[in-house]
Each structure stands twice: as structure tokens, then as C-alpha cells.
Amino acid sequence: MKIIFIRGLPGTGKTTIAKQLARKFNARYLNIDEFKIKAKTGDFKKDCLYAYKMTLDSLSLLRKDKNINYIIMEEIFYNKKFVNDLIKFTKDNHFLSYWFQVKRSLRDLLKVESLRKRKIKNIKNDFHYLQKGIDSIKIKDEKVIKNLVISSTVKKIISFVNNFKLS
């Protein structure tokens, strides 16, 4: 099994990219945000911890399904323990994992955020805080992609995954 992880700030296109990759690879798409929404505790940190647990539980179930070749996951991935748990899970289960960090300019992120239908919007300081968390986690062989056009980013990821050779 192969797991493709897409991480980056809100507004970088992670969800759109992940959904397109899931279609292209006929993959199972795990949306970590859906687990956060299901938690509904009102406490963001508790909701995240619940979502992280549910994600690992889902992966444990999916690993037994021989009909699944790919899993696509997207999230900010700025929680070091969660990232380490995912890396350990992929190694323990002998899965190939591909990590991609998607980036956009702050100006573009703020523009996307202004168009979102949310009660609470991220502001410049939020993006800086989240990026600091992302940058604090170094993932071996992670590819960083500047997302200017979704379709080009999807093609780059597909090309990398299809041409990846084990060393």
C-alpha cells in the first residue's frame, strides 16, 4: 500500500489536490477535518486529538483491505507527535509513503481565506504560527511544491509517485 500525505497551510489547495489525486489513483481519501468536525467538543485541541486517533484507527482498518492500493491524506500536519505516529505506522506496516508540502504566497492565502464561508477566518499571524509549526517538523524526502495551478501540482505529484524508485 502507498500513502500520499499532502500538508500545508489553509488555502494552499490541499483538499482539492487530495480529491483529484484520489480520483486519479482510485485511492481512498481520508479527510482528517471530517474527524475534527465529528468530535464537536468545542475545544480545538481536543477535536484535533480525537481526529488524530480516528485517523490512526482508520488506517489500521484500511491496511487489511487488499483492494486498496493508495490512501491520500491531507492536513496541516503541524503536530509533531501525530506526524511521528503516521511515519511509524507506515514503517511498521511496510507501506510506501510520499510526503508533499504545498505552498502559496501569503497574499494568495489571505485572498482564499477572505472567500471562505467561515465564522472565524485565519489572519496573517495565524498563517505565520501554523507555518512555524510545519517548519519545525522535518520529514525525510518531503517534496515542497509551490502551488500556482492545482492541475500542475497534481501532475507533479503523480509524476513523482509514478517515477519513484526504491534505492
Foldseek 3Di string as FASTA:
>chain_A
DEEEEEAEDPQLCLVVLLVVLCVVQVAAEDELVVQLVVVPPPDNVVSNVSSLVVVVVVVVVVLPDPVHDYYYYYDNPLDQVSVVVVVVVCVVSVYHYAAEYEDEDPVSSVVSQVPDDDPDTDDPVNNVVSVVSVVVDDDPNYHYYYPPDSVVVSVVVVVCVVPDDDD
